[in-house]
C-alpha atoms as a PDB file:
ATOM      1  CA  MET A   1      11.269   4.595 -13.761  1.00  0.00           C
ATOM      2  CA  ILE A   2      10.170   6.498 -10.751  1.00  0.00           C
ATOM      3  CA  ARG A   3       6.355   6.534 -11.460  1.00  0.00           C
ATOM      4  CA  LYS A   4       3.576   9.266 -10.157  1.00  0.00           C
ATOM      5  CA  ILE A   5       1.649   8.810  -6.967  1.00  0.00           C
ATOM      6  CA  LEU A   6      -2.151   9.306  -7.201  1.00  0.00           C
ATOM      7  CA  THR A   7      -3.139  11.065  -4.390  1.00  0.00           C
ATOM      8  CA  PHE A   8      -6.772  11.406  -2.316  1.00  0.00           C
ATOM      9  CA  PRO A   9      -9.460  11.973  -4.122  1.00  0.00           C
ATOM     10  CA  ASP A  10      -8.060  11.029  -7.572  1.00  0.00           C
ATOM     11  CA  PRO A  11     -10.972   8.104  -7.923  1.00  0.00           C
ATOM     12  CA  GLU A  12      -8.206   5.476  -9.365  1.00  0.00           C
ATOM     13  CA  LEU A  13      -7.586   4.835  -5.541  1.00  0.00           C
ATOM     14  CA  LYS A  14     -11.008   3.093  -5.333  1.00  0.00           C
ATOM     15  CA  LYS A  15     -11.150   0.800  -8.206  1.00  0.00           C
ATOM     16  CA  LYS A  16     -10.962  -2.841  -7.569  1.00  0.00           C
ATOM     17  CA  SER A  17      -7.498  -4.557  -9.084  1.00  0.00           C
ATOM     18  CA  GLN A  18      -7.455  -7.845 -11.232  1.00  0.00           C
ATOM     19  CA  PRO A  19      -5.461 -10.544 -10.513  1.00  0.00           C
ATOM     20  CA  VAL A  20      -2.494 -11.305 -12.340  1.00  0.00           C
ATOM     21  CA  VAL A  21      -2.855 -13.779 -14.784  1.00  0.00           C
ATOM     22  CA  VAL A  22       0.778 -14.264 -16.888  1.00  0.00           C
ATOM     23  CA  ILE A  23       3.731 -12.974 -15.227  1.00  0.00           C
ATOM     24  CA  ASN A  24       5.147 -12.167 -18.172  1.00  0.00           C
ATOM     25  CA  ASN A  25       8.352  -8.970 -18.708  1.00  0.00           C
ATOM     26  CA  LYS A  26       5.975  -6.089 -18.704  1.00  0.00           C
ATOM     27  CA  VAL A  27       4.346  -7.433 -14.890  1.00  0.00           C
ATOM     28  CA  ILE A  28       8.558  -7.495 -14.301  1.00  0.00           C
ATOM     29  CA  GLU A  29       8.581  -4.220 -15.415  1.00  0.00           C
ATOM     30  CA  LEU A  30       5.964  -2.878 -13.574  1.00  0.00           C
ATOM     31  CA  VAL A  31       7.469  -4.630  -9.998  1.00  0.00           C
ATOM     32  CA  ARG A  32      10.861  -2.674 -10.888  1.00  0.00           C
ATOM     33  CA  ASP A  33       9.182   0.385 -11.617  1.00  0.00           C
ATOM     34  CA  MET A  34       7.175   0.180  -8.338  1.00  0.00           C
ATOM     35  CA  ALA A  35       9.704  -0.659  -5.687  1.00  0.00           C
ATOM     36  CA  GLU A  36      12.328   1.824  -7.325  1.00  0.00           C
ATOM     37  CA  THR A  37       9.288   4.333  -6.577  1.00  0.00           C
ATOM     38  CA  MET A  38       8.655   3.251  -3.213  1.00  0.00           C
ATOM     39  CA  TYR A  39      12.184   3.651  -2.634  1.00  0.00           C
ATOM     40  CA  ASP A  40      12.273   6.834  -3.995  1.00  0.00           C
ATOM     41  CA  ALA A  41       9.018   8.436  -2.277  1.00  0.00           C
ATOM     42  CA  PRO A  42      10.105   7.092   0.529  1.00  0.00           C
ATOM     43  CA  GLY A  43       7.951   4.314   2.209  1.00  0.00           C
ATOM     44  CA  VAL A  44       7.718   0.497   3.039  1.00  0.00           C
ATOM     45  CA  GLY A  45       4.646  -0.358   0.706  1.00  0.00           C
ATOM     46  CA  LEU A  46       2.597   0.424  -2.775  1.00  0.00           C
ATOM     47  CA  ALA A  47       0.115  -1.142  -4.656  1.00  0.00           C
ATOM     48  CA  ALA A  48      -0.399  -1.013  -8.209  1.00  0.00           C
ATOM     49  CA  PRO A  49      -3.249   1.252  -8.033  1.00  0.00           C
ATOM     50  CA  GLN A  50      -1.350   3.835  -6.433  1.00  0.00           C
ATOM     51  CA  ILE A  51       0.745   4.456  -9.493  1.00  0.00           C
ATOM     52  CA  GLY A  52      -2.802   3.910 -11.469  1.00  0.00           C
ATOM     53  CA  VAL A  53      -2.261   0.215 -12.528  1.00  0.00           C
ATOM     54  CA  HIS A  54      -5.236  -1.335 -11.442  1.00  0.00           C
ATOM     55  CA  GLN A  55      -3.628  -5.223 -10.766  1.00  0.00           C
ATOM     56  CA  ARG A  56      -3.349  -7.476  -8.129  1.00  0.00           C
ATOM     57  CA  ILE A  57       0.521  -6.586  -7.504  1.00  0.00           C
ATOM     58  CA  VAL A  58       2.330  -4.875  -4.370  1.00  0.00           C
ATOM     59  CA  VAL A  59       5.622  -4.442  -3.365  1.00  0.00           C
ATOM     60  CA  ILE A  60       7.044  -4.251   0.371  1.00  0.00           C
ATOM     61  CA  ASP A  61      10.137  -3.243   2.125  1.00  0.00           C
ATOM     62  CA  VAL A  62       9.886  -2.822   6.317  1.00  0.00           C
ATOM     63  CA  ALA A  63      13.858  -2.939   6.911  1.00  0.00           C
ATOM     64  CA  GLY A  64      15.015  -0.284   8.449  1.00  0.00           C
ATOM     65  CA  LYS A  65      17.080   2.795   6.516  1.00  0.00           C
ATOM     66  CA  ASP A  66      20.529   1.120   7.754  1.00  0.00           C
ATOM     67  CA  ASP A  67      19.565  -1.950   7.280  1.00  0.00           C
ATOM     68  CA  PRO A  68      19.725  -4.028   3.256  1.00  0.00           C
ATOM     69  CA  PRO A  69      16.585  -3.671   1.278  1.00  0.00           C
ATOM     70  CA  GLN A  70      14.317  -6.754   2.166  1.00  0.00           C
ATOM     71  CA  LEU A  71      11.953  -6.288  -0.962  1.00  0.00           C
ATOM     72  CA  ILE A  72       8.928  -8.649  -1.070  1.00  0.00           C
ATOM     73  CA  VAL A  73       7.128  -8.758  -3.746  1.00  0.00           C
ATOM     74  CA  ALA A  74       3.579 -10.278  -3.736  1.00  0.00           C
ATOM     75  CA  ILE A  75       1.574 -11.300  -6.787  1.00  0.00           C
ATOM     76  CA  ASN A  76      -2.134 -12.067  -6.213  1.00  0.00           C
ATOM     77  CA  PRO A  77      -1.922 -11.945  -2.309  1.00  0.00           C
ATOM     78  CA  VAL A  78      -4.251 -13.362  -0.366  1.00  0.00           C
ATOM     79  CA  ILE A  79      -4.427 -12.899   3.841  1.00  0.00           C
ATOM     80  CA  ILE A  80      -5.197 -16.896   4.737  1.00  0.00           C
ATOM     81  CA  HIS A  81      -4.937 -16.410   8.112  1.00  0.00           C
ATOM     82  CA  ALA A  82      -5.234 -13.078  10.695  1.00  0.00           C
ATOM     83  CA  ASP A  83      -5.575 -13.073  14.446  1.00  0.00           C
ATOM     84  CA  GLY A  84      -4.534 -10.672  17.168  1.00  0.00           C
ATOM     85  CA  GLU A  85      -5.105  -6.594  16.978  1.00  0.00           C
ATOM     86  CA  SER A  86      -3.112  -3.458  16.725  1.00  0.00           C
ATOM     87  CA  TYR A  87      -3.653  -0.208  17.057  1.00  0.00           C
ATOM     88  CA  GLU A  88      -1.323   1.569  15.188  1.00  0.00           C
ATOM     89  CA  GLU A  89      -0.386   4.858  13.653  1.00  0.00           C
ATOM     90  CA  GLU A  90      -0.469   4.864   9.692  1.00  0.00           C
ATOM     91  CA  GLY A  91       0.228   6.753   6.614  1.00  0.00           C
ATOM     92  CA  CYS A  92      -0.048   6.754   3.530  1.00  0.00           C
ATOM     93  CA  LEU A  93       1.678   7.539  -0.202  1.00  0.00           C
ATOM     94  CA  SER A  94      -0.975   8.321  -1.198  1.00  0.00           C
ATOM     95  CA  ILE A  95      -2.702  10.398   1.142  1.00  0.00           C
ATOM     96  CA  PRO A  96       0.337  12.493   1.817  1.00  0.00           C
ATOM     97  CA  LYS A  97       0.591  14.499   5.295  1.00  0.00           C
ATOM     98  CA  TYR A  98      -1.456  13.076   7.184  1.00  0.00           C
ATOM     99  CA  ALA A  99      -1.040   9.791   9.380  1.00  0.00           C
ATOM    100  CA  ALA A 100      -4.209   8.308  11.970  1.00  0.00           C
ATOM    101  CA  ASN A 101      -4.558   5.669  14.380  1.00  0.00           C
ATOM    102  CA  VAL A 102      -6.158   2.456  12.548  1.00  0.00           C
ATOM    103  CA  ARG A 103      -7.624  -0.739  14.116  1.00  0.00           C
ATOM    104  CA  ARG A 104      -5.738  -4.096  12.102  1.00  0.00           C
ATOM    105  CA  HIS A 105      -4.479  -7.561  12.940  1.00  0.00           C
ATOM    106  CA  GLU A 106      -1.715  -7.802  14.799  1.00  0.00           C
ATOM    107  CA  ARG A 107      -1.020 -10.995  12.705  1.00  0.00           C
ATOM    108  CA  VAL A 108      -1.283 -12.614   9.419  1.00  0.00           C
ATOM    109  CA  VAL A 109      -0.632 -14.978   6.751  1.00  0.00           C
ATOM    110  CA  VAL A 110      -0.517 -14.268   3.409  1.00  0.00           C
ATOM    111  CA  LYS A 111       0.112 -16.435   0.160  1.00  0.00           C
ATOM    112  CA  ALA A 112       0.913 -15.310  -3.249  1.00  0.00           C
ATOM    113  CA  LEU A 113       2.959 -15.371  -6.043  1.00  0.00           C
ATOM    114  CA  ASN A 114       6.564 -14.417  -6.680  1.00  0.00           C
ATOM    115  CA  LEU A 115       8.327 -13.156  -9.561  1.00  0.00           C
ATOM    116  CA  ASP A 116       8.964 -16.507 -11.267  1.00  0.00           C
ATOM    117  CA  GLY A 117       5.130 -17.813 -10.737  1.00  0.00           C
ATOM    118  CA  GLU A 118       5.896 -19.717  -7.302  1.00  0.00           C
ATOM    119  CA  GLU A 119       3.658 -19.617  -4.707  1.00  0.00           C
ATOM    120  CA  ILE A 120       4.814 -17.898  -1.391  1.00  0.00           C
ATOM    121  CA  THR A 121       3.959 -17.749   1.942  1.00  0.00           C
ATOM    122  CA  CYS A 122       4.851 -15.198   4.480  1.00  0.00           C
ATOM    123  CA  LYS A 123       3.870 -15.075   8.067  1.00  0.00           C
ATOM    124  CA  ALA A 124       4.011 -11.665   9.014  1.00  0.00           C
ATOM    125  CA  ASP A 125       3.237  -9.589  12.338  1.00  0.00           C
ATOM    126  CA  GLY A 126       3.959  -5.446  13.356  1.00  0.00           C
ATOM    127  CA  LEU A 127       5.341  -3.803  10.740  1.00  0.00           C
ATOM    128  CA  LEU A 128       4.759  -6.320   8.384  1.00  0.00           C
ATOM    129  CA  ALA A 129       1.845  -7.181   8.958  1.00  0.00           C
ATOM    130  CA  ILE A 130       0.183  -3.991   8.768  1.00  0.00           C
ATOM    131  CA  ALA A 131       1.613  -3.189   5.759  1.00  0.00           C
ATOM    132  CA  PHE A 132       0.300  -6.289   3.645  1.00  0.00           C
ATOM    133  CA  GLN A 133      -3.204  -5.319   5.039  1.00  0.00           C
ATOM    134  CA  HIS A 134      -2.562  -2.082   4.311  1.00  0.00           C
ATOM    135  CA  GLU A 135      -1.266  -2.663   0.428  1.00  0.00           C
ATOM    136  CA  ILE A 136      -3.803  -5.462   0.215  1.00  0.00           C
ATOM    137  CA  ASP A 137      -6.101  -2.849   1.073  1.00  0.00           C
ATOM    138  CA  HIS A 138      -5.462  -0.650  -1.420  1.00  0.00           C
ATOM    139  CA  LEU A 139      -6.100  -3.819  -4.009  1.00  0.00           C
ATOM    140  CA  ASP A 140      -9.844  -3.745  -3.049  1.00  0.00           C
ATOM    141  CA  GLY A 141      -9.967   0.194  -3.647  1.00  0.00           C
ATOM    142  CA  ILE A 142      -9.803   0.762   0.347  1.00  0.00           C
ATOM    143  CA  LEU A 143      -7.900   3.640   1.925  1.00  0.00           C
ATOM    144  CA  PHE A 144      -6.244   3.502   5.546  1.00  0.00           C
ATOM    145  CA  ILE A 145      -9.258   6.088   5.695  1.00  0.00           C
ATOM    146  CA  ASP A 146     -11.512   4.076   5.231  1.00  0.00           C
ATOM    147  CA  HIS A 147     -11.009   2.745   8.755  1.00  0.00           C
ATOM    148  CA  ILE A 148     -11.130   5.287  10.377  1.00  0.00           C
ATOM    149  CA  SER A 149     -14.263   6.673  12.301  1.00  0.00           C
ATOM    150  CA  PRO A 150     -17.100   8.948  10.532  1.00  0.00           C
ATOM    151  CA  LEU A 151     -16.046  11.875  12.247  1.00  0.00           C
ATOM    152  CA  LYS A 152     -12.479  11.632  12.286  1.00  0.00           C
ATOM    153  CA  ARG A 153     -12.858  11.471   8.342  1.00  0.00           C
ATOM    154  CA  GLU A 154     -14.813  14.402   8.077  1.00  0.00           C
ATOM    155  CA  ILE A 155     -12.275  15.959  10.482  1.00  0.00           C
ATOM    156  CA  PHE A 156      -9.375  15.177   7.885  1.00  0.00           C
ATOM    157  CA  ARG A 157     -11.541  15.503   4.740  1.00  0.00           C
ATOM    158  CA  ARG A 158     -11.576  18.955   6.120  1.00  0.00           C
ATOM    159  CA  LYS A 159      -8.429  19.646   7.024  1.00  0.00           C
ATOM    160  CA  TYR A 160      -6.580  17.827   4.179  1.00  0.00           C
ATOM    161  CA  ARG A 161      -8.413  19.966   1.874  1.00  0.00           C
ATOM    162  CA  ARG A 162      -6.679  23.065   3.393  1.00  0.00           C
ATOM    163  CA  THR A 163      -3.803  20.915   3.324  1.00  0.00           C
ATOM    164  CA  LEU A 164      -4.075  20.416  -0.269  1.00  0.00           C
ATOM    165  CA  GLU A 165      -4.814  24.184  -0.673  1.00  0.00           C
ATOM    166  CA  ASP A 166      -1.133  25.003   0.867  1.00  0.00           C
ATOM    167  CA  MET A 167       0.376  22.798  -1.168  1.00  0.00           C
ATOM    168  CA  SER A 168      -0.843  24.336  -4.417  1.00  0.00           C
ATOM    169  CA  GLU A 169      -0.423  27.920  -2.852  1.00  0.00           C
ATOM    170  CA  GLY A 170       2.610  27.210  -2.456  1.00  0.00           C
ATOM    171  CA  ALA A 171       3.668  25.912  -5.854  1.00  0.00           C
END
């Protein structure tokens, strides 16, 4: 089922998520909905808080449009190692029509559980590393705009307010 993606400035996006204690049918159904919602949007990642569920779950797929899906499900993900630096443009399904350059680690190692409750370790670089950092931030109530300078954030707020006004007038 495709879920509604919350958009900035919804206060739900700033809440911290709780760890998943038991992987049951409800969690499996949530992950299925998250993947379907992410692919429909379309995006390369989605965190549970973006659909109003405050559990530490992310789905990511950075495969190209012409490639077969490569869905990664990470439950209770934790970055256990990070190095290097990248400065790439990011966007977010919760902040439509806006992108900004964000400083991130170039490489990360993420430990998480899969849907079978098994511990997995993902070594990631490039877009996948950025996606992991971006989605894990969502679990802590952090948006990518929280990583840009105060001046750029103020410019964003002004522009975004106008964008939202334009979108509501067109509706």
